[in-house]
Amino acid sequence: MAQQSNQLFGEKFCCSVCLDLLKDPVTIPCGHSYCMNCIQSYWDTEDEKKTHSCPQCRQSFTPRPVLVKNTMLADLVEELKKTGLQAAPADLCYAGPEDVACDVCTGRKLRAVKSCLACMISYCKKHLQLHYDSPAFEKHKLVEPSEKLQENICSRHDEVMKMFCRTDQQCICYLCSVDEHKGHDTVSAAAERTERQRELEGSRHNIQQRIQDREEDVKLLQQEVEAINGSADKAVEHSEKIFTQLISLMEKRRSDVKQQVRSQQETEVSRVKELQEKLEQEITELKRKDAELKKLSHTEDHNQFLHNYPSLSALSESTHSTSIKIRPLKYFEDVTAAVSELRDKLQDVLRKTWTNISLTVTQVDVLLSNPQPEPETRAEFLRYSREITLDTNTAYTHLLLSEGNRKVTYCQQQSYSSHPDRFTYICQVLSRESLTGRGYWEVEWRGGGVYVAVTYKNISRAGSVSEFGRNDKSWSLDCCNNSYNFNHNKVQTPVSGPRSSRVGVYLDHSAGILSFYSVSETMTLLHRVQTTFTQPLYAGVRFCRIDCTAEFSKVK
């Protein structure tokens, strides 16, 4: 009994917010006391309302009161702790702001633990005990505490709604069933619940089956990810080995050429120096002979002169021709030309085979059931923006590239070197970058008009067949003559849309989508192509007239 009294006494020193013994107690102007941290946190949530209230009596204070620790109450709580006093047990916990309160409690209400659908009342553990002890309450249905019990009361007849009108799909009371719902298809709420429960179970079964199916799909996709990663790792590993072998082969050939050149250099230099030494010896001998003849020519004694002349005047025959014939001064330049020719051939091979390699990489595509949607706003398109630069080796000779090879202008004939990729008949140029995956770019043009195009790398470079849109390897939008036309494989399709000096191009290579847009304040779709691309694509422009410029814009 003393313990129970002590416990009830201890409740007086519990904070109604945290339901624990007061910590750093403070007393607010209305007289109620709280833990300092609890009331501060509670008032922090009310700062926006510019007014602060007591959690218990709801009295408001303006401005926010300054809190000072209640030292006397704090000392009292400390003394009570020494007696072994603890916080109120769980069954006496008071209802907080988010709890359902007991409808029977007077004064400060305890937290409800059950609600009765027959009584339409919520009970704390103490007041609920009668439902367990008295046979009169045996048939009452107890549920988890609910604040919505009043929604079970008919607002018209103030009766519990135990019926369900299937005609109007709403809960009703018995009086409603014989009044405004008379003649309707009505059943008991329990019967309708049973029917809906059956449907619910069916829905749950379907959901669980779908969950199982999706989990299987996730497992399959995970296996696919592992397979893709494994295959990619092997491809990279094998490619690295192959390229390492190629590099090693090139290094060996470089070493061989170097060794052969140095060996031949040594041989030829040795031969030249040997001949040089013999010639220098002959020069020395001739100089000696010349000195003797000079001395003889100054002899005054005629007899002496005639006596020595025969032995001195005779010249030994030279072992070498009177002149050295040197080959044209090329020496090893032919070696450089041969190596340069090898380089050009390798570049051509790499350029041609790279298209196939790149295509086989991009063809690795796990086809999912839901393809990615095409962007709708310019901001969404710009997420896929690609920076395009132009390839000088493809430019027609009357085209000048500038602005980091993003801009092309018609001009006087340029002194471009001969190159197999250069267009020789049509005034057009291609990008350096190959295009796969998803990409977006814009072309700003001025003058008489341009063709904005995409094409395969192996498009013809000569003749009218090389013109963008006049073959099965290219697709172009004709922006000339104040109108639009789409061209592919010699077929021209008129296109309507607002005129603009800026054309946007969207490509989804794997999905086979190519779209052209008129870009101004808004984006307007001009033409969309749905096809299958079999090779990487390259961006391009072609001029309609000689007064044109076009620039691949930097879009971000």
Protein backbone atom coordinates (compact mmCIF):
# COMPACT_ATOMS: atom_id res chain seq x y z
CA MET A 1 0.00 0.00 0.00
CA ALA A 2 2.86 2.35 0.94
CA GLN A 3 4.58 1.48 -2.33
CA GLN A 4 1.42 2.33 -4.31
CA SER A 5 1.03 5.61 -2.41
CA ASN A 6 4.67 6.46 -3.00
CA GLN A 7 4.19 5.66 -6.68
CA LEU A 8 1.16 7.90 -7.00
CA PHE A 9 3.05 10.63 -5.13
CA GLY A 10 5.91 10.24 -7.59
CA GLU A 11 3.56 10.90 -10.50
CA LYS A 12 3.33 14.49 -9.30
CA PHE A 13 7.01 14.91 -10.17
CA CYS A 14 6.78 13.46 -13.70
CA CYS A 15 7.08 15.58 -16.81
CA SER A 16 3.87 15.29 -18.84
CA VAL A 17 5.90 15.48 -22.07
CA CYS A 18 8.49 12.73 -21.57
CA LEU A 19 6.53 10.94 -18.79
CA ASP A 20 9.73 10.60 -16.77
CA LEU A 21 10.94 12.21 -13.55
CA LEU A 22 11.68 15.89 -13.99
CA LYS A 23 15.18 16.77 -15.18
CA ASP A 24 16.29 20.37 -14.62
CA PRO A 25 12.68 21.31 -13.74
CA VAL A 26 11.30 24.70 -14.76
CA THR A 27 7.93 26.23 -13.89
CA ILE A 28 6.17 28.24 -16.61
CA PRO A 29 3.82 31.21 -15.90
CA CYS A 30 0.66 29.04 -15.69
CA GLY A 31 2.20 27.05 -12.83
CA HIS A 32 2.90 23.74 -14.58
CA SER A 33 6.39 22.27 -14.44
CA TYR A 34 8.42 20.45 -17.11
CA CYS A 35 11.91 19.27 -17.90
CA MET A 36 13.77 22.27 -19.32
CA ASN A 37 14.73 20.41 -22.53
CA CYS A 38 11.18 19.07 -22.99
CA ILE A 39 9.41 22.44 -22.82
CA GLN A 40 12.10 24.14 -24.92
CA SER A 41 11.75 21.49 -27.64
CA TYR A 42 7.97 21.79 -27.49
CA TRP A 43 8.10 25.59 -27.84
CA ASP A 44 10.63 25.32 -30.67
CA THR A 45 7.89 23.69 -32.74
CA GLU A 46 5.61 26.68 -32.04
CA ASP A 47 8.08 29.43 -32.99
CA GLU A 48 6.46 29.98 -36.37
CA LYS A 49 3.11 30.75 -34.68
CA LYS A 50 4.75 33.56 -32.66
CA THR A 51 2.89 32.32 -29.57
CA HIS A 52 3.73 29.59 -27.08
CA SER A 53 1.39 27.49 -24.94
CA CYS A 54 1.33 25.05 -22.06
CA PRO A 55 1.07 21.40 -23.21
CA GLN A 56 -1.44 20.69 -20.41
CA CYS A 57 -3.75 23.70 -19.91
CA ARG A 58 -3.08 25.28 -23.34
CA GLN A 59 -2.65 28.76 -21.85
CA SER A 60 -0.75 30.95 -24.33
CA PHE A 61 2.21 33.22 -23.62
CA THR A 62 3.56 36.10 -25.70
CA PRO A 63 6.48 36.61 -25.93
CA ARG A 64 8.16 33.28 -25.27
CA PRO A 65 8.82 33.04 -21.51
CA VAL A 66 12.39 32.99 -20.25
CA LEU A 67 13.02 29.69 -18.46
CA VAL A 68 14.80 29.53 -15.10
CA LYS A 69 15.54 26.31 -13.25
CA ASN A 70 13.30 25.69 -10.24
CA THR A 71 15.99 24.84 -7.71
CA MET A 72 13.62 23.90 -4.91
CA LEU A 73 11.72 21.45 -7.14
CA ALA A 74 15.00 20.08 -8.47
CA ASP A 75 16.27 19.44 -4.94
CA LEU A 76 13.00 17.73 -4.05
CA VAL A 77 13.21 15.43 -7.08
CA GLU A 78 16.78 14.51 -6.13
CA GLU A 79 15.69 13.66 -2.60
CA LEU A 80 12.85 11.49 -3.91
CA LYS A 81 15.29 9.63 -6.18
CA LYS A 82 17.29 8.63 -3.11
CA THR A 83 14.20 6.85 -1.74
CA GLY A 84 14.16 4.63 -4.82
CA LEU A 85 11.30 6.46 -6.53
CA GLN A 86 11.05 5.72 -10.24
CA ALA A 87 8.99 7.15 -13.05
CA ALA A 88 5.34 6.17 -13.40
CA PRO A 89 4.93 2.63 -14.76
CA ALA A 90 3.84 2.08 -18.31
CA ASP A 91 0.21 1.37 -17.33
CA LEU A 92 -0.07 4.90 -15.85
CA CYS A 93 1.50 6.74 -18.76
CA TYR A 94 -0.40 9.87 -19.62
CA ALA A 95 -1.65 10.56 -23.15
CA GLY A 96 0.68 12.63 -25.25
CA PRO A 97 -0.19 14.86 -28.22
CA GLU A 98 -0.10 11.90 -30.64
CA ASP A 99 -1.82 9.36 -28.35
CA VAL A 100 -5.49 8.37 -28.05
CA ALA A 101 -6.72 9.47 -24.61
CA CYS A 102 -8.95 7.42 -22.33
CA ASP A 103 -12.55 8.71 -22.52
CA VAL A 104 -13.29 7.63 -18.91
CA CYS A 105 -10.41 9.33 -17.12
CA THR A 106 -11.17 12.68 -15.49
CA GLY A 107 -8.60 15.42 -15.13
CA ARG A 108 -5.35 14.44 -16.69
CA LYS A 109 -6.14 11.53 -18.99
CA LEU A 110 -4.12 8.35 -19.37
CA ARG A 111 -3.19 6.82 -22.68
CA ALA A 112 -5.85 4.47 -24.13
CA VAL A 113 -4.86 0.87 -24.83
CA LYS A 114 -8.09 -0.30 -26.54
CA SER A 115 -11.21 1.10 -28.16
CA CYS A 116 -14.59 -0.65 -27.92
CA LEU A 117 -16.73 -0.71 -31.09
CA ALA A 118 -19.82 -1.47 -29.02
CA CYS A 119 -19.37 1.26 -26.41
CA MET A 120 -17.72 3.59 -28.96
CA ILE A 121 -15.29 4.56 -26.18
CA SER A 122 -11.51 4.29 -25.73
CA TYR A 123 -10.16 2.91 -22.44
CA CYS A 124 -6.90 3.05 -20.53
CA LYS A 125 -5.62 -0.18 -19.01
CA LYS A 126 -7.25 0.61 -15.68
CA HIS A 127 -10.75 1.37 -17.03
CA LEU A 128 -10.58 -1.43 -19.59
CA GLN A 129 -10.33 -4.09 -16.89
CA LEU A 130 -14.14 -4.12 -16.45
CA HIS A 131 -14.51 -5.40 -20.04
CA TYR A 132 -12.40 -8.39 -19.10
CA ASP A 133 -13.99 -9.00 -15.68
CA SER A 134 -17.75 -8.57 -16.43
CA PRO A 135 -19.66 -11.14 -18.56
CA ALA A 136 -21.84 -8.28 -19.82
CA PHE A 137 -18.98 -7.09 -22.03
CA GLU A 138 -18.01 -10.47 -23.48
CA LYS A 139 -19.50 -9.73 -26.91
CA HIS A 140 -18.00 -6.27 -27.17
CA LYS A 141 -15.36 -5.98 -29.88
CA LEU A 142 -12.10 -4.41 -28.74
CA VAL A 143 -9.70 -2.92 -31.31
CA GLU A 144 -6.50 -0.90 -31.23
CA PRO A 145 -7.01 2.65 -29.92
CA SER A 146 -8.64 4.84 -32.56
CA GLU A 147 -9.43 8.54 -32.71
CA LYS A 148 -11.99 7.89 -35.45
CA LEU A 149 -14.63 6.08 -33.37
CA GLN A 150 -17.13 8.88 -33.99
CA GLU A 151 -16.95 8.15 -37.70
CA ASN A 152 -18.82 4.91 -36.87
CA ILE A 153 -21.81 6.93 -35.57
CA CYS A 154 -24.54 7.93 -38.03
CA SER A 155 -24.64 11.72 -38.06
CA ARG A 156 -28.37 11.67 -38.88
CA HIS A 157 -29.69 9.09 -36.44
CA ASP A 158 -26.89 9.04 -33.85
CA GLU A 159 -26.75 5.24 -34.16
CA VAL A 160 -23.81 2.91 -34.68
CA MET A 161 -23.43 2.17 -38.40
CA LYS A 162 -23.57 -1.61 -38.61
CA MET A 163 -24.95 -1.82 -42.17
CA PHE A 164 -23.40 -1.24 -45.59
CA CYS A 165 -25.25 0.06 -48.66
CA ARG A 166 -23.77 -1.54 -51.74
CA THR A 167 -25.86 0.71 -53.96
CA ASP A 168 -24.28 3.89 -52.57
CA GLN A 169 -21.06 2.22 -51.37
CA GLN A 170 -21.25 3.65 -47.83
CA CYS A 171 -21.72 2.55 -44.21
CA ILE A 172 -25.19 3.23 -42.74
CA CYS A 173 -27.13 2.52 -39.57
CA TYR A 174 -30.21 0.32 -39.33
CA LEU A 175 -32.57 3.34 -39.47
CA CYS A 176 -30.88 4.50 -42.69
CA SER A 177 -31.63 1.13 -44.27
CA VAL A 178 -35.38 1.64 -43.80
CA ASP A 179 -35.30 5.36 -44.54
CA GLU A 180 -33.34 7.07 -47.36
CA HIS A 181 -31.61 3.78 -48.33
CA LYS A 182 -34.87 1.82 -48.48
CA GLY A 183 -34.90 -0.60 -51.42
CA HIS A 184 -31.15 -0.40 -51.81
CA ASP A 185 -28.88 -3.45 -51.76
CA THR A 186 -27.89 -3.45 -48.09
CA VAL A 187 -26.01 -6.02 -46.02
CA SER A 188 -24.43 -6.05 -42.60
CA ALA A 189 -21.04 -4.38 -42.33
CA ALA A 190 -19.64 -7.72 -41.16
CA ALA A 191 -20.95 -9.48 -44.30
CA GLU A 192 -19.51 -6.76 -46.56
CA ARG A 193 -16.23 -6.96 -44.67
CA THR A 194 -16.14 -10.73 -45.28
CA GLU A 195 -16.68 -10.17 -49.00
CA ARG A 196 -14.09 -7.39 -49.19
CA GLN A 197 -11.72 -9.48 -47.08
CA ARG A 198 -12.00 -12.23 -49.66
CA GLU A 199 -11.20 -9.73 -52.42
CA LEU A 200 -8.37 -8.35 -50.31
CA GLU A 201 -6.89 -11.79 -49.91
CA GLY A 202 -7.13 -12.26 -53.66
CA SER A 203 -5.39 -8.93 -54.21
CA ARG A 204 -2.71 -9.85 -51.70
CA HIS A 205 -2.21 -13.18 -53.45
CA ASN A 206 -1.78 -11.36 -56.77
CA ILE A 207 0.60 -8.85 -55.19
CA GLN A 208 2.62 -11.60 -53.54
CA GLN A 209 2.76 -13.47 -56.85
CA ARG A 210 3.95 -10.30 -58.60
CA ILE A 211 6.51 -9.76 -55.84
CA GLN A 212 7.75 -13.31 -56.38
CA ASP A 213 7.85 -12.76 -60.15
CA ARG A 214 9.68 -9.45 -59.77
CA GLU A 215 12.14 -11.00 -57.33
CA GLU A 216 12.85 -13.67 -59.93
CA ASP A 217 13.29 -10.90 -62.51
CA VAL A 218 15.66 -9.08 -60.16
CA LYS A 219 17.68 -12.28 -59.75
CA LEU A 220 17.81 -12.72 -63.53
CA LEU A 221 18.88 -9.11 -63.98
CA GLN A 222 21.53 -9.52 -61.31
CA GLN A 223 22.80 -12.58 -63.15
CA GLU A 224 22.73 -10.50 -66.34
CA VAL A 225 24.76 -7.76 -64.62
CA GLU A 226 27.30 -10.32 -63.45
CA ALA A 227 27.43 -11.85 -66.94
CA ILE A 228 27.87 -8.40 -68.55
CA ASN A 229 30.60 -7.46 -66.07
CA GLY A 230 32.36 -10.79 -66.56
CA SER A 231 32.16 -10.57 -70.34
CA ALA A 232 33.32 -6.94 -70.32
CA ASP A 233 36.25 -7.78 -68.03
CA LYS A 234 37.30 -10.64 -70.32
CA ALA A 235 36.92 -8.45 -73.42
CA VAL A 236 39.05 -5.71 -71.83
CA GLU A 237 41.63 -8.27 -70.66
CA HIS A 238 41.87 -9.96 -74.05
CA SER A 239 41.87 -6.62 -75.88
CA GLU A 240 44.68 -5.41 -73.64
CA LYS A 241 46.67 -8.56 -74.45
CA ILE A 242 46.07 -8.18 -78.18
CA PHE A 243 46.94 -4.47 -78.20
CA THR A 244 49.99 -5.24 -76.06
CA GLN A 245 51.02 -7.83 -78.65
CA LEU A 246 50.47 -5.30 -81.43
CA ILE A 247 52.48 -2.69 -79.54
CA SER A 248 55.20 -5.27 -78.91
CA LEU A 249 55.24 -6.15 -82.60
CA MET A 250 55.48 -2.48 -83.52
CA GLU A 251 58.27 -2.01 -80.98
CA LYS A 252 60.13 -5.00 -82.49
CA ARG A 253 59.69 -3.66 -86.02
CA ARG A 254 60.84 -0.22 -84.85
CA SER A 255 63.91 -1.84 -83.26
CA ASP A 256 64.55 -3.88 -86.43
CA VAL A 257 64.39 -0.78 -88.63
CA LYS A 258 66.64 1.11 -86.26
CA GLN A 259 69.13 -1.77 -86.12
CA GLN A 260 69.17 -2.22 -89.91
CA VAL A 261 69.58 1.51 -90.53
CA ARG A 262 72.42 1.75 -88.01
CA SER A 263 74.10 -1.38 -89.43
CA GLN A 264 73.87 -0.10 -92.99
CA GLN A 265 75.00 3.31 -91.79
CA GLU A 266 78.09 1.74 -90.21
CA THR A 267 78.87 -0.29 -93.34
CA GLU A 268 78.52 2.64 -95.72
CA VAL A 269 80.45 5.03 -93.48
CA SER A 270 83.25 2.43 -93.17
CA ARG A 271 83.48 2.08 -96.96
CA VAL A 272 83.53 5.84 -97.45
CA LYS A 273 86.18 6.32 -94.77
CA GLU A 274 88.33 3.55 -96.26
CA LEU A 275 88.22 5.24 -99.64
CA GLN A 276 88.79 8.59 -97.96
CA GLU A 277 91.99 7.28 -96.29
CA LYS A 278 93.36 5.92 -99.59
CA LEU A 279 92.66 9.20 -101.32
CA GLU A 280 94.36 11.12 -98.51
CA GLN A 281 97.43 8.82 -98.85
CA GLU A 282 97.53 9.47 -102.59
CA ILE A 283 97.27 13.22 -101.94
CA THR A 284 100.24 13.01 -99.56
CA GLU A 285 102.27 11.09 -102.17
CA LEU A 286 101.38 13.54 -104.91
CA LYS A 287 102.34 16.49 -102.73
CA ARG A 288 105.73 14.85 -102.04
CA LYS A 289 106.19 14.26 -105.77
CA ASP A 290 105.22 17.82 -106.54
CA ALA A 291 107.78 19.13 -104.04
CA GLU A 292 110.55 17.06 -105.69
CA LEU A 293 109.59 18.30 -109.13
CA LYS A 294 109.51 21.83 -107.88
CA LYS A 295 113.00 21.43 -106.46
CA LEU A 296 114.17 19.87 -109.75
CA SER A 297 112.71 22.78 -111.68
CA HIS A 298 115.01 25.15 -109.79
CA THR A 299 118.21 23.15 -110.50
CA GLU A 300 120.68 25.35 -112.44
CA ASP A 301 122.94 22.51 -113.52
CA HIS A 302 121.56 21.33 -116.87
CA ASN A 303 123.26 18.01 -116.73
CA GLN A 304 122.02 17.33 -113.23
CA PHE A 305 118.46 18.28 -114.25
CA LEU A 306 118.52 15.96 -117.26
CA HIS A 307 119.99 13.16 -115.18
CA ASN A 308 117.28 13.29 -112.48
CA TYR A 309 114.31 14.15 -114.63
CA PRO A 310 113.46 10.67 -115.92
CA SER A 311 113.16 9.21 -112.42
CA LEU A 312 111.13 12.10 -111.01
CA SER A 313 108.81 12.92 -113.85
CA ALA A 314 107.23 9.48 -114.07
CA LEU A 315 103.89 9.40 -112.13
CA SER A 316 102.50 6.21 -110.71
CA GLU A 317 98.99 5.42 -111.99
CA SER A 318 96.16 6.29 -109.58
CA THR A 319 94.21 3.38 -108.17
CA HIS A 320 91.03 5.44 -108.28
CA SER A 321 89.09 7.15 -111.00
CA THR A 322 89.67 10.80 -111.55
CA SER A 323 86.28 11.61 -109.95
CA ILE A 324 84.07 10.05 -107.26
CA LYS A 325 80.53 9.41 -108.39
CA ILE A 326 78.04 9.99 -105.52
CA ARG A 327 74.43 8.81 -105.69
CA PRO A 328 71.71 11.48 -105.34
CA LEU A 329 71.63 12.75 -101.77
CA LYS A 330 68.74 10.63 -100.46
CA TYR A 331 70.58 8.14 -98.34
CA PHE A 332 67.96 6.86 -95.87
CA GLU A 333 65.09 9.20 -96.88
CA ASP A 334 63.52 6.29 -98.73
CA VAL A 335 63.38 4.43 -95.42
CA THR A 336 61.43 7.33 -93.90
CA ALA A 337 59.05 7.29 -96.86
CA ALA A 338 58.55 3.54 -96.52
CA VAL A 339 57.83 3.84 -92.79
CA SER A 340 55.46 6.75 -93.46
CA GLU A 341 53.68 4.63 -96.04
CA LEU A 342 53.34 1.86 -93.43
CA ARG A 343 51.93 4.38 -90.95
CA ASP A 344 49.33 5.62 -93.45
CA LYS A 345 48.29 2.08 -94.31
CA LEU A 346 47.96 1.18 -90.62
CA GLN A 347 45.90 4.31 -90.00
CA ASP A 348 43.59 3.37 -92.86
CA VAL A 349 43.26 -0.17 -91.53
CA LEU A 350 42.59 1.07 -87.99
CA ARG A 351 40.08 3.63 -89.22
CA LYS A 352 38.18 1.07 -91.27
CA THR A 353 38.29 -1.70 -88.66
CA TRP A 354 37.57 0.66 -85.77
CA THR A 355 34.07 1.24 -87.13
CA ASN A 356 33.38 -2.48 -86.88
CA ILE A 357 34.93 -2.70 -83.40
CA SER A 358 32.94 0.30 -82.16
CA LEU A 359 29.73 -1.08 -83.63
CA THR A 360 30.18 -4.48 -82.00
CA VAL A 361 30.64 -2.71 -78.66
CA THR A 362 27.49 -0.59 -79.05
CA GLN A 363 25.47 -3.62 -80.19
CA VAL A 364 25.84 -5.11 -76.70
CA ASP A 365 22.37 -4.10 -75.50
CA VAL A 366 20.28 -5.73 -72.79
CA LEU A 367 16.76 -5.17 -74.13
CA LEU A 368 14.49 -4.23 -71.24
CA SER A 369 10.70 -4.20 -71.49
CA ASN A 370 10.45 -0.44 -70.90
CA PRO A 371 12.75 1.62 -73.18
CA GLN A 372 13.82 5.04 -71.96
CA PRO A 373 11.36 7.77 -73.03
CA GLU A 374 12.46 10.49 -75.41
CA PRO A 375 13.14 13.85 -73.71
CA GLU A 376 10.37 16.43 -73.90
CA THR A 377 11.88 19.73 -72.74
CA ARG A 378 15.07 21.44 -73.90
CA ALA A 379 16.51 21.02 -70.40
CA GLU A 380 15.98 17.26 -70.70
CA PHE A 381 17.59 17.22 -74.16
CA LEU A 382 20.61 19.14 -72.87
CA ARG A 383 21.28 16.30 -70.41
CA TYR A 384 22.46 14.35 -73.48
CA SER A 385 24.39 17.23 -75.12
CA ARG A 386 27.43 16.26 -77.18
CA GLU A 387 30.25 18.61 -78.18
CA ILE A 388 30.82 18.21 -81.92
CA THR A 389 34.03 19.21 -83.73
CA LEU A 390 34.64 18.94 -87.45
CA ASP A 391 37.26 16.81 -89.21
CA THR A 392 39.55 18.86 -91.48
CA ASN A 393 40.40 15.71 -93.47
CA THR A 394 36.76 15.46 -94.64
CA ALA A 395 36.19 19.15 -95.49
CA TYR A 396 35.55 20.19 -99.09
CA THR A 397 38.38 22.42 -100.32
CA HIS A 398 36.22 25.60 -100.22
CA LEU A 399 35.34 25.17 -96.55
CA LEU A 400 37.26 26.92 -93.76
CA LEU A 401 37.07 25.57 -90.20
CA SER A 402 37.41 27.85 -87.17
CA GLU A 403 36.34 28.28 -83.52
CA GLY A 404 38.14 25.11 -82.50
CA ASN A 405 36.82 23.32 -85.64
CA ARG A 406 33.20 23.86 -84.53
CA LYS A 407 32.45 26.54 -87.17
CA VAL A 408 32.58 26.13 -90.97
CA THR A 409 32.48 28.95 -93.53
CA TYR A 410 32.48 28.98 -97.34
CA CYS A 411 35.70 30.60 -98.60
CA GLN A 412 38.34 30.62 -101.33
CA GLN A 413 39.91 27.28 -102.09
CA GLN A 414 42.10 26.01 -99.26
CA SER A 415 45.43 24.24 -99.68
CA TYR A 416 44.30 21.07 -97.94
CA SER A 417 46.46 18.00 -98.42
CA SER A 418 45.06 15.06 -100.32
CA HIS A 419 43.17 12.65 -98.09
CA PRO A 420 40.91 9.66 -98.83
CA ASP A 421 38.25 11.00 -96.43
CA ARG A 422 37.89 14.38 -98.17
CA PHE A 423 34.68 15.23 -100.03
CA THR A 424 35.71 16.17 -103.55
CA TYR A 425 32.36 16.94 -105.23
CA ILE A 426 29.92 18.28 -102.62
CA CYS A 427 30.44 21.27 -100.29
CA GLN A 428 30.10 19.34 -97.00
CA VAL A 429 32.07 18.16 -93.95
CA LEU A 430 31.82 15.49 -91.23
CA SER A 431 32.49 15.45 -87.48
CA ARG A 432 35.53 13.89 -85.87
CA GLU A 433 33.42 12.16 -83.22
CA SER A 434 31.47 8.98 -83.88
CA LEU A 435 27.98 8.98 -82.38
CA THR A 436 26.46 6.02 -80.55
CA GLY A 437 24.12 5.78 -77.57
CA ARG A 438 22.03 8.88 -76.84
CA GLY A 439 23.16 12.35 -77.88
CA TYR A 440 21.90 15.85 -78.65
CA TRP A 441 23.54 18.75 -80.49
CA GLU A 442 22.52 22.02 -82.13
CA VAL A 443 23.62 23.71 -85.37
CA GLU A 444 23.41 27.51 -85.73
CA TRP A 445 23.46 28.56 -89.39
CA ARG A 446 23.47 31.78 -91.45
CA GLY A 447 23.14 32.56 -95.16
CA GLY A 448 21.29 30.79 -97.95
CA GLY A 449 20.70 27.59 -96.02
CA VAL A 450 22.29 24.32 -94.99
CA TYR A 451 21.66 20.60 -94.78
CA VAL A 452 21.97 19.27 -91.22
CA ALA A 453 22.82 15.58 -91.42
CA VAL A 454 24.06 12.36 -89.88
CA THR A 455 25.82 9.66 -91.88
CA TYR A 456 27.86 6.49 -91.70
CA LYS A 457 31.63 6.87 -92.04
CA ASN A 458 31.77 4.82 -95.25
CA ILE A 459 29.67 7.25 -97.29
CA SER A 460 31.12 7.92 -100.75
CA ARG A 461 33.49 10.91 -100.99
CA ALA A 462 33.10 11.62 -104.71
CA GLY A 463 30.26 12.26 -107.15
CA SER A 464 26.65 13.29 -106.52
CA VAL A 465 26.03 10.04 -104.64
CA SER A 466 28.14 11.48 -101.81
CA GLU A 467 25.54 14.19 -101.15
CA PHE A 468 23.88 13.87 -97.73
CA GLY A 469 20.45 12.28 -98.13
CA ARG A 470 21.03 10.93 -101.65
CA ASN A 471 22.08 7.47 -100.45
CA ASP A 472 21.11 4.84 -97.89
CA LYS A 473 24.02 5.82 -95.63
CA SER A 474 22.89 9.33 -94.63
CA TRP A 475 19.88 11.27 -93.33
CA SER A 476 19.59 15.06 -93.75
CA LEU A 477 17.25 17.98 -93.01
CA ASP A 478 17.26 20.53 -95.85
CA CYS A 479 16.89 24.05 -94.38
CA CYS A 480 17.16 25.88 -97.74
CA ASN A 481 14.64 27.93 -99.73
CA ASN A 482 12.64 29.08 -96.67
CA SER A 483 11.27 25.58 -96.16
CA TYR A 484 12.23 22.20 -94.72
CA ASN A 485 12.67 18.87 -96.49
CA PHE A 486 13.89 15.57 -95.11
CA ASN A 487 16.12 13.47 -97.37
CA HIS A 488 17.17 9.83 -97.23
CA ASN A 489 18.15 7.40 -100.00
CA LYS A 490 17.11 9.89 -102.74
CA VAL A 491 13.62 10.27 -101.23
CA GLN A 492 12.61 13.84 -100.29
CA THR A 493 9.83 14.41 -97.74
CA PRO A 494 8.36 17.92 -97.22
CA VAL A 495 8.46 19.00 -93.57
CA SER A 496 6.39 21.76 -91.96
CA GLY A 497 7.40 23.78 -88.92
CA PRO A 498 8.53 27.21 -87.72
CA ARG A 499 11.63 28.59 -89.40
CA SER A 500 14.65 28.97 -87.14
CA SER A 501 18.37 29.53 -87.64
CA ARG A 502 19.06 26.88 -84.98
CA VAL A 503 18.36 23.18 -85.56
CA GLY A 504 18.51 20.62 -82.75
CA VAL A 505 19.32 16.97 -83.46
CA TYR A 506 18.50 14.13 -81.05
CA LEU A 507 19.88 10.63 -81.57
CA ASP A 508 19.10 7.40 -79.71
CA HIS A 509 21.32 5.02 -81.65
CA SER A 510 20.28 1.75 -79.99
CA ALA A 511 16.56 2.62 -80.24
CA GLY A 512 16.97 3.73 -83.87
CA ILE A 513 15.50 7.21 -83.22
CA LEU A 514 16.69 10.33 -85.06
CA SER A 515 14.78 13.60 -84.49
CA PHE A 516 15.20 17.12 -85.87
CA TYR A 517 13.89 20.16 -83.97
CA SER A 518 13.39 23.85 -84.71
CA VAL A 519 14.94 25.62 -81.71
CA SER A 520 13.98 29.16 -80.65
CA GLU A 521 12.20 30.12 -77.44
CA THR A 522 10.64 26.66 -77.59
CA MET A 523 11.49 23.38 -79.32
CA THR A 524 9.28 22.16 -82.15
CA LEU A 525 9.64 18.66 -83.59
CA LEU A 526 10.17 18.87 -87.35
CA HIS A 527 10.77 15.23 -88.28
CA ARG A 528 11.43 11.94 -86.52
CA VAL A 529 13.01 8.83 -88.02
CA GLN A 530 12.48 5.33 -86.61
CA THR A 531 14.94 2.86 -88.13
CA THR A 532 17.79 0.49 -87.29
CA PHE A 533 21.30 1.93 -87.32
CA THR A 534 23.95 -0.65 -88.20
CA GLN A 535 27.05 1.51 -87.76
CA PRO A 536 28.19 4.45 -85.63
CA LEU A 537 27.01 7.78 -87.05
CA TYR A 538 28.82 11.06 -87.72
CA ALA A 539 27.31 14.55 -87.68
CA GLY A 540 27.66 16.67 -90.82
CA VAL A 541 26.60 19.86 -92.61
CA ARG A 542 26.32 20.69 -96.28
CA PHE A 543 25.99 24.18 -97.78
CA CYS A 544 23.22 25.07 -100.22
CA ARG A 545 24.95 28.25 -101.41
CA ILE A 546 28.34 29.93 -101.13
CA ASP A 547 27.24 32.63 -98.62
CA CYS A 548 26.80 30.21 -95.71
CA THR A 549 28.23 29.61 -92.28
CA ALA A 550 27.30 26.93 -89.76
CA GLU A 551 28.44 26.35 -86.19
CA PHE A 552 27.99 23.40 -83.86
CA SER A 553 26.95 25.26 -80.70
CA LYS A 554 28.35 24.63 -77.24
CA VAL A 555 25.17 23.58 -75.43
CA LYS A 556 25.09 22.94 -71.68
